[in-house]
Amino acid sequence: MNETLRRTFMTSITTLLALGSIYLFGGAVLADFALAMIWGVIIGTYSSIFVAVGTLAWFDLHPKDDEDETPVPEYER
C-alpha cells in the first residue's frame, strides 16, 4: 500500500509540474486546457488515495502471506 501511495504522489507531482509549465508558458490557448487538466489530476489523486483506501478498509483486504508456502517452479505456474 505504501508503494502505491508513493507512486500516486510522484506521478501526480510530475504531471502537475509539466502542466504548470504548460499553463505558464503555453500561451492563452493552452492555459485553459492546462487548468482543466490540473483540476483533473487533483481530483484523480484525491480519488486514488482516499476512495481506494476506504474501499480496501471496507472490504478488509490484506496482502497474502506467502512465507508458509513452498516455492513453485516457474514452469508450473
PDB file of N, CA and C in Angstrom:
ATOM      1  N   MET A   1       0.823  -1.187   0.000  1.00  0.00           N
ATOM      2  CA  MET A   1       0.000   0.000   0.000  1.00  0.00           C
ATOM      3  C   MET A   1       0.873   1.259   0.000  1.00  0.00           C
ATOM      4  N   ASN A   2       1.963   1.234   0.737  1.00  0.00           N
ATOM      5  CA  ASN A   2       2.831   2.408   0.792  1.00  0.00           C
ATOM      6  C   ASN A   2       3.482   2.680  -0.559  1.00  0.00           C
ATOM      7  N   GLU A   3       3.838   1.616  -1.294  1.00  0.00           N
ATOM      8  CA  GLU A   3       4.434   1.811  -2.617  1.00  0.00           C
ATOM      9  C   GLU A   3       3.425   2.428  -3.578  1.00  0.00           C
ATOM     10  N   THR A   4       2.188   1.992  -3.507  1.00  0.00           N
ATOM     11  CA  THR A   4       1.153   2.532  -4.375  1.00  0.00           C
ATOM     12  C   THR A   4       0.885   3.996  -4.051  1.00  0.00           C
ATOM     13  N   LEU A   5       0.850   4.319  -2.777  1.00  0.00           N
ATOM     14  CA  LEU A   5       0.620   5.694  -2.364  1.00  0.00           C
ATOM     15  C   LEU A   5       1.764   6.594  -2.815  1.00  0.00           C
ATOM     16  N   ARG A   6       2.979   6.135  -2.649  1.00  0.00           N
ATOM     17  CA  ARG A   6       4.147   6.902  -3.075  1.00  0.00           C
ATOM     18  C   ARG A   6       4.143   7.088  -4.595  1.00  0.00           C
ATOM     19  N   ARG A   7       3.804   6.039  -5.328  1.00  0.00           N
ATOM     20  CA  ARG A   7       3.748   6.128  -6.787  1.00  0.00           C
ATOM     21  C   ARG A   7       2.668   7.112  -7.232  1.00  0.00           C
ATOM     22  N   THR A   8       1.536   7.114  -6.546  1.00  0.00           N
ATOM     23  CA  THR A   8       0.460   8.051  -6.873  1.00  0.00           C
ATOM     24  C   THR A   8       0.915   9.487  -6.676  1.00  0.00           C
ATOM     25  N   PHE A   9       1.564   9.761  -5.541  1.00  0.00           N
ATOM     26  CA  PHE A   9       2.047  11.113  -5.279  1.00  0.00           C
ATOM     27  C   PHE A   9       3.092  11.547  -6.298  1.00  0.00           C
ATOM     28  N   MET A  10       4.039  10.672  -6.586  1.00  0.00           N
ATOM     29  CA  MET A  10       5.116  11.041  -7.507  1.00  0.00           C
ATOM     30  C   MET A  10       4.586  11.277  -8.926  1.00  0.00           C
ATOM     31  N   THR A  11       3.657  10.451  -9.361  1.00  0.00           N
ATOM     32  CA  THR A  11       3.067  10.638 -10.688  1.00  0.00           C
ATOM     33  C   THR A  11       2.282  11.939 -10.742  1.00  0.00           C
ATOM     34  N   SER A  12       1.530  12.227  -9.698  1.00  0.00           N
ATOM     35  CA  SER A  12       0.735  13.457  -9.666  1.00  0.00           C
ATOM     36  C   SER A  12       1.628  14.688  -9.648  1.00  0.00           C
ATOM     37  N   ILE A  13       2.670  14.661  -8.851  1.00  0.00           N
ATOM     38  CA  ILE A  13       3.569  15.809  -8.769  1.00  0.00           C
ATOM     39  C   ILE A  13       4.272  16.038 -10.104  1.00  0.00           C
ATOM     40  N   THR A  14       4.741  14.971 -10.730  1.00  0.00           N
ATOM     41  CA  THR A  14       5.411  15.103 -12.021  1.00  0.00           C
ATOM     42  C   THR A  14       4.461  15.654 -13.073  1.00  0.00           C
ATOM     43  N   THR A  15       3.248  15.157 -13.095  1.00  0.00           N
ATOM     44  CA  THR A  15       2.258  15.645 -14.056  1.00  0.00           C
ATOM     45  C   THR A  15       1.897  17.096 -13.783  1.00  0.00           C
ATOM     46  N   LEU A  16       1.760  17.454 -12.504  1.00  0.00           N
ATOM     47  CA  LEU A  16       1.439  18.841 -12.172  1.00  0.00           C
ATOM     48  C   LEU A  16       2.577  19.796 -12.539  1.00  0.00           C
ATOM     49  N   LEU A  17       3.818  19.347 -12.420  1.00  0.00           N
ATOM     50  CA  LEU A  17       4.941  20.186 -12.844  1.00  0.00           C
ATOM     51  C   LEU A  17       4.885  20.464 -14.349  1.00  0.00           C
ATOM     52  N   ALA A  18       4.623  19.424 -15.114  1.00  0.00           N
ATOM     53  CA  ALA A  18       4.520  19.595 -16.569  1.00  0.00           C
ATOM     54  C   ALA A  18       3.332  20.484 -16.936  1.00  0.00           C
ATOM     55  N   LEU A  19       2.193  20.259 -16.290  1.00  0.00           N
ATOM     56  CA  LEU A  19       1.016  21.066 -16.595  1.00  0.00           C
ATOM     57  C   LEU A  19       1.187  22.505 -16.128  1.00  0.00           C
ATOM     58  N   GLY A  20       1.906  22.701 -15.036  1.00  0.00           N
ATOM     59  CA  GLY A  20       2.174  24.061 -14.576  1.00  0.00           C
ATOM     60  C   GLY A  20       3.018  24.835 -15.577  1.00  0.00           C
ATOM     61  N   SER A  21       3.999  24.168 -16.158  1.00  0.00           N
ATOM     62  CA  SER A  21       4.814  24.849 -17.163  1.00  0.00           C
ATOM     63  C   SER A  21       4.013  25.116 -18.437  1.00  0.00           C
ATOM     64  N   ILE A  22       3.114  24.220 -18.809  1.00  0.00           N
ATOM     65  CA  ILE A  22       2.240  24.476 -19.957  1.00  0.00           C
ATOM     66  C   ILE A  22       1.329  25.657 -19.664  1.00  0.00           C
ATOM     67  N   TYR A  23       0.818  25.732 -18.444  1.00  0.00           N
ATOM     68  CA  TYR A  23      -0.061  26.836 -18.065  1.00  0.00           C
ATOM     69  C   TYR A  23       0.684  28.171 -18.114  1.00  0.00           C
ATOM     70  N   LEU A  24       1.919  28.192 -17.622  1.00  0.00           N
ATOM     71  CA  LEU A  24       2.677  29.444 -17.565  1.00  0.00           C
ATOM     72  C   LEU A  24       3.250  29.852 -18.915  1.00  0.00           C
ATOM     73  N   PHE A  25       3.768  28.902 -19.674  1.00  0.00           N
ATOM     74  CA  PHE A  25       4.494  29.228 -20.898  1.00  0.00           C
ATOM     75  C   PHE A  25       3.762  28.846 -22.183  1.00  0.00           C
ATOM     76  N   GLY A  26       2.600  28.251 -22.086  1.00  0.00           N
ATOM     77  CA  GLY A  26       1.915  27.750 -23.269  1.00  0.00           C
ATOM     78  C   GLY A  26       1.083  28.763 -24.011  1.00  0.00           C
ATOM     79  N   GLY A  27       0.856  29.903 -23.428  1.00  0.00           N
ATOM     80  CA  GLY A  27       0.041  30.912 -24.097  1.00  0.00           C
ATOM     81  C   GLY A  27      -1.415  30.809 -23.704  1.00  0.00           C
ATOM     82  N   ALA A  28      -2.205  31.695 -24.261  1.00  0.00           N
ATOM     83  CA  ALA A  28      -3.615  31.792 -23.890  1.00  0.00           C
ATOM     84  C   ALA A  28      -4.426  30.577 -24.343  1.00  0.00           C
ATOM     85  N   VAL A  29      -4.040  29.999 -25.450  1.00  0.00           N
ATOM     86  CA  VAL A  29      -4.801  28.860 -25.978  1.00  0.00           C
ATOM     87  C   VAL A  29      -4.653  27.641 -25.076  1.00  0.00           C
ATOM     88  N   LEU A  30      -3.450  27.375 -24.598  1.00  0.00           N
ATOM     89  CA  LEU A  30      -3.212  26.187 -23.781  1.00  0.00           C
ATOM     90  C   LEU A  30      -3.489  26.401 -22.297  1.00  0.00           C
ATOM     91  N   ALA A  31      -3.660  27.637 -21.853  1.00  0.00           N
ATOM     92  CA  ALA A  31      -3.842  27.909 -20.428  1.00  0.00           C
ATOM     93  C   ALA A  31      -5.133  27.272 -19.895  1.00  0.00           C
ATOM     94  N   ASP A  32      -6.221  27.415 -20.622  1.00  0.00           N
ATOM     95  CA  ASP A  32      -7.489  26.819 -20.171  1.00  0.00           C
ATOM     96  C   ASP A  32      -7.421  25.299 -20.167  1.00  0.00           C
ATOM     97  N   PHE A  33      -6.786  24.748 -21.197  1.00  0.00           N
ATOM     98  CA  PHE A  33      -6.615  23.295 -21.256  1.00  0.00           C
ATOM     99  C   PHE A  33      -5.782  22.797 -20.080  1.00  0.00           C
ATOM    100  N   ALA A  34      -4.678  23.476 -19.785  1.00  0.00           N
ATOM    101  CA  ALA A  34      -3.809  23.069 -18.680  1.00  0.00           C
ATOM    102  C   ALA A  34      -4.530  23.198 -17.351  1.00  0.00           C
ATOM    103  N   LEU A  35      -5.338  24.235 -17.194  1.00  0.00           N
ATOM    104  CA  LEU A  35      -6.088  24.414 -15.950  1.00  0.00           C
ATOM    105  C   LEU A  35      -7.086  23.277 -15.739  1.00  0.00           C
ATOM    106  N   ALA A  36      -7.762  22.877 -16.806  1.00  0.00           N
ATOM    107  CA  ALA A  36      -8.699  21.754 -16.709  1.00  0.00           C
ATOM    108  C   ALA A  36      -7.961  20.458 -16.391  1.00  0.00           C
ATOM    109  N   MET A  37      -6.804  20.266 -16.982  1.00  0.00           N
ATOM    110  CA  MET A  37      -6.016  19.064 -16.701  1.00  0.00           C
ATOM    111  C   MET A  37      -5.486  19.058 -15.268  1.00  0.00           C
ATOM    112  N   ILE A  38      -5.073  20.221 -14.769  1.00  0.00           N
ATOM    113  CA  ILE A  38      -4.608  20.316 -13.380  1.00  0.00           C
ATOM    114  C   ILE A  38      -5.735  19.942 -12.430  1.00  0.00           C
ATOM    115  N   TRP A  39      -6.926  20.451 -12.693  1.00  0.00           N
ATOM    116  CA  TRP A  39      -8.078  20.114 -11.859  1.00  0.00           C
ATOM    117  C   TRP A  39      -8.348  18.600 -11.914  1.00  0.00           C
ATOM    118  N   GLY A  40      -8.234  18.009 -13.075  1.00  0.00           N
ATOM    119  CA  GLY A  40      -8.455  16.569 -13.213  1.00  0.00           C
ATOM    120  C   GLY A  40      -7.410  15.742 -12.476  1.00  0.00           C
ATOM    121  N   VAL A  41      -6.162  16.182 -12.495  1.00  0.00           N
ATOM    122  CA  VAL A  41      -5.107  15.462 -11.767  1.00  0.00           C
ATOM    123  C   VAL A  41      -5.350  15.547 -10.266  1.00  0.00           C
ATOM    124  N   ILE A  42      -5.763  16.714  -9.789  1.00  0.00           N
ATOM    125  CA  ILE A  42      -6.039  16.867  -8.349  1.00  0.00           C
ATOM    126  C   ILE A  42      -7.194  15.971  -7.926  1.00  0.00           C
ATOM    127  N   ILE A  43      -8.275  15.961  -8.690  1.00  0.00           N
ATOM    128  CA  ILE A  43      -9.428  15.119  -8.366  1.00  0.00           C
ATOM    129  C   ILE A  43      -9.065  13.643  -8.482  1.00  0.00           C
ATOM    130  N   GLY A  44      -8.295  13.278  -9.492  1.00  0.00           N
ATOM    131  CA  GLY A  44      -7.882  11.880  -9.658  1.00  0.00           C
ATOM    132  C   GLY A  44      -6.977  11.414  -8.529  1.00  0.00           C
ATOM    133  N   THR A  45      -6.094  12.286  -8.065  1.00  0.00           N
ATOM    134  CA  THR A  45      -5.215  11.929  -6.950  1.00  0.00           C
ATOM    135  C   THR A  45      -6.027  11.746  -5.675  1.00  0.00           C
ATOM    136  N   TYR A  46      -6.956  12.652  -5.437  1.00  0.00           N
ATOM    137  CA  TYR A  46      -7.840  12.519  -4.271  1.00  0.00           C
ATOM    138  C   TYR A  46      -8.601  11.200  -4.330  1.00  0.00           C
ATOM    139  N   SER A  47      -9.124  10.887  -5.498  1.00  0.00           N
ATOM    140  CA  SER A  47      -9.874   9.653  -5.663  1.00  0.00           C
ATOM    141  C   SER A  47      -8.999   8.434  -5.420  1.00  0.00           C
ATOM    142  N   SER A  48      -7.798   8.441  -5.967  1.00  0.00           N
ATOM    143  CA  SER A  48      -6.910   7.296  -5.807  1.00  0.00           C
ATOM    144  C   SER A  48      -6.526   7.064  -4.357  1.00  0.00           C
ATOM    145  N   ILE A  49      -6.299   8.130  -3.630  1.00  0.00           N
ATOM    146  CA  ILE A  49      -5.830   7.987  -2.255  1.00  0.00           C
ATOM    147  C   ILE A  49      -6.982   7.679  -1.309  1.00  0.00           C
ATOM    148  N   PHE A  50      -7.967   8.553  -1.261  1.00  0.00           N
ATOM    149  CA  PHE A  50      -8.980   8.441  -0.216  1.00  0.00           C
ATOM    150  C   PHE A  50     -10.082   7.444  -0.541  1.00  0.00           C
ATOM    151  N   VAL A  51     -10.509   7.363  -1.772  1.00  0.00           N
ATOM    152  CA  VAL A  51     -11.566   6.422  -2.122  1.00  0.00           C
ATOM    153  C   VAL A  51     -11.032   4.998  -2.144  1.00  0.00           C
ATOM    154  N   ALA A  52      -9.862   4.793  -2.719  1.00  0.00           N
ATOM    155  CA  ALA A  52      -9.305   3.437  -2.805  1.00  0.00           C
ATOM    156  C   ALA A  52      -8.944   2.897  -1.421  1.00  0.00           C
ATOM    157  N   VAL A  53      -8.366   3.724  -0.571  1.00  0.00           N
ATOM    158  CA  VAL A  53      -8.010   3.271   0.776  1.00  0.00           C
ATOM    159  C   VAL A  53      -9.263   2.942   1.571  1.00  0.00           C
ATOM    160  N   GLY A  54     -10.290   3.756   1.433  1.00  0.00           N
ATOM    161  CA  GLY A  54     -11.552   3.471   2.113  1.00  0.00           C
ATOM    162  C   GLY A  54     -12.193   2.184   1.620  1.00  0.00           C
ATOM    163  N   THR A  55     -12.096   1.937   0.332  1.00  0.00           N
ATOM    164  CA  THR A  55     -12.643   0.700  -0.233  1.00  0.00           C
ATOM    165  C   THR A  55     -11.876  -0.508   0.280  1.00  0.00           C
ATOM    166  N   LEU A  56     -10.563  -0.415   0.324  1.00  0.00           N
ATOM    167  CA  LEU A  56      -9.772  -1.524   0.858  1.00  0.00           C
ATOM    168  C   LEU A  56     -10.100  -1.781   2.325  1.00  0.00           C
ATOM    169  N   ALA A  57     -10.278  -0.731   3.091  1.00  0.00           N
ATOM    170  CA  ALA A  57     -10.624  -0.893   4.503  1.00  0.00           C
ATOM    171  C   ALA A  57     -12.027  -1.489   4.654  1.00  0.00           C
ATOM    172  N   TRP A  58     -12.940  -1.087   3.782  1.00  0.00           N
ATOM    173  CA  TRP A  58     -14.318  -1.588   3.853  1.00  0.00           C
ATOM    174  C   TRP A  58     -14.371  -3.098   3.586  1.00  0.00           C
ATOM    175  N   PHE A  59     -13.631  -3.569   2.582  1.00  0.00           N
ATOM    176  CA  PHE A  59     -13.623  -4.979   2.238  1.00  0.00           C
ATOM    177  C   PHE A  59     -12.621  -5.783   3.055  1.00  0.00           C
ATOM    178  N   ASP A  60     -11.836  -5.104   3.885  1.00  0.00           N
ATOM    179  CA  ASP A  60     -10.855  -5.739   4.768  1.00  0.00           C
ATOM    180  C   ASP A  60      -9.894  -6.629   3.968  1.00  0.00           C
ATOM    181  N   LEU A  61      -9.335  -6.069   2.892  1.00  0.00           N
ATOM    182  CA  LEU A  61      -8.404  -6.793   2.038  1.00  0.00           C
ATOM    183  C   LEU A  61      -6.985  -6.628   2.562  1.00  0.00           C
ATOM    184  N   HIS A  62      -6.257  -7.713   2.598  1.00  0.00           N
ATOM    185  CA  HIS A  62      -4.869  -7.705   3.042  1.00  0.00           C
ATOM    186  C   HIS A  62      -4.041  -8.525   2.061  1.00  0.00           C
ATOM    187  N   PRO A  63      -2.765  -8.176   1.886  1.00  0.00           N
ATOM    188  CA  PRO A  63      -1.927  -8.995   1.020  1.00  0.00           C
ATOM    189  C   PRO A  63      -1.734 -10.390   1.596  1.00  0.00           C
ATOM    190  N   LYS A  64      -1.607 -11.356   0.710  1.00  0.00           N
ATOM    191  CA  LYS A  64      -1.448 -12.748   1.116  1.00  0.00           C
ATOM    192  C   LYS A  64      -0.030 -12.974   1.634  1.00  0.00           C
ATOM    193  N   ASP A  65       0.091 -13.710   2.703  1.00  0.00           N
ATOM    194  CA  ASP A  65       1.398 -14.029   3.277  1.00  0.00           C
ATOM    195  C   ASP A  65       1.902 -15.311   2.629  1.00  0.00           C
ATOM    196  N   ASP A  66       2.962 -15.198   1.813  1.00  0.00           N
ATOM    197  CA  ASP A  66       3.486 -16.340   1.058  1.00  0.00           C
ATOM    198  C   ASP A  66       4.634 -17.049   1.760  1.00  0.00           C
ATOM    199  N   GLU A  67       4.938 -16.712   2.985  1.00  0.00           N
ATOM    200  CA  GLU A  67       6.081 -17.318   3.661  1.00  0.00           C
ATOM    201  C   GLU A  67       5.857 -18.785   4.001  1.00  0.00           C
ATOM    202  N   ASP A  68       4.615 -19.180   4.224  1.00  0.00           N
ATOM    203  CA  ASP A  68       4.326 -20.554   4.625  1.00  0.00           C
ATOM    204  C   ASP A  68       4.287 -21.521   3.448  1.00  0.00           C
ATOM    205  N   GLU A  69       4.134 -21.036   2.258  1.00  0.00           N
ATOM    206  CA  GLU A  69       4.012 -21.903   1.093  1.00  0.00           C
ATOM    207  C   GLU A  69       5.394 -22.304   0.577  1.00  0.00           C
ATOM    208  N   THR A  70       5.443 -23.475  -0.009  1.00  0.00           N
ATOM    209  CA  THR A  70       6.691 -23.915  -0.628  1.00  0.00           C
ATOM    210  C   THR A  70       6.820 -23.249  -1.992  1.00  0.00           C
ATOM    211  N   PRO A  71       8.016 -22.958  -2.421  1.00  0.00           N
ATOM    212  CA  PRO A  71       8.183 -22.306  -3.727  1.00  0.00           C
ATOM    213  C   PRO A  71       7.749 -23.216  -4.872  1.00  0.00           C
ATOM    214  N   VAL A  72       7.105 -22.618  -5.853  1.00  0.00           N
ATOM    215  CA  VAL A  72       6.637 -23.348  -7.026  1.00  0.00           C
ATOM    216  C   VAL A  72       7.575 -23.012  -8.170  1.00  0.00           C
ATOM    217  N   PRO A  73       8.077 -24.018  -8.883  1.00  0.00           N
ATOM    218  CA  PRO A  73       8.968 -23.721 -10.023  1.00  0.00           C
ATOM    219  C   PRO A  73       8.239 -22.874 -11.079  1.00  0.00           C
ATOM    220  N   GLU A  74       9.012 -22.116 -11.820  1.00  0.00           N
ATOM    221  CA  GLU A  74       8.464 -21.191 -12.798  1.00  0.00           C
ATOM    222  C   GLU A  74       7.647 -21.916 -13.871  1.00  0.00           C
ATOM    223  N   TYR A  75       8.063 -23.104 -14.292  1.00  0.00           N
ATOM    224  CA  TYR A  75       7.358 -23.794 -15.366  1.00  0.00           C
ATOM    225  C   TYR A  75       6.025 -24.380 -14.910  1.00  0.00           C
ATOM    226  N   GLU A  76       5.769 -24.432 -13.603  1.00  0.00           N
ATOM    227  CA  GLU A  76       4.497 -24.962 -13.097  1.00  0.00           C
ATOM    228  C   GLU A  76       3.486 -23.861 -12.806  1.00  0.00           C
ATOM    229  N   ARG A  77       3.845 -22.626 -12.968  1.00  0.00           N
ATOM    230  CA  ARG A  77       2.908 -21.526 -12.671  1.00  0.00           C
ATOM    231  C   ARG A  77       1.974 -21.286 -13.794  1.00  0.00           C
TER     232      ARG A  77
END
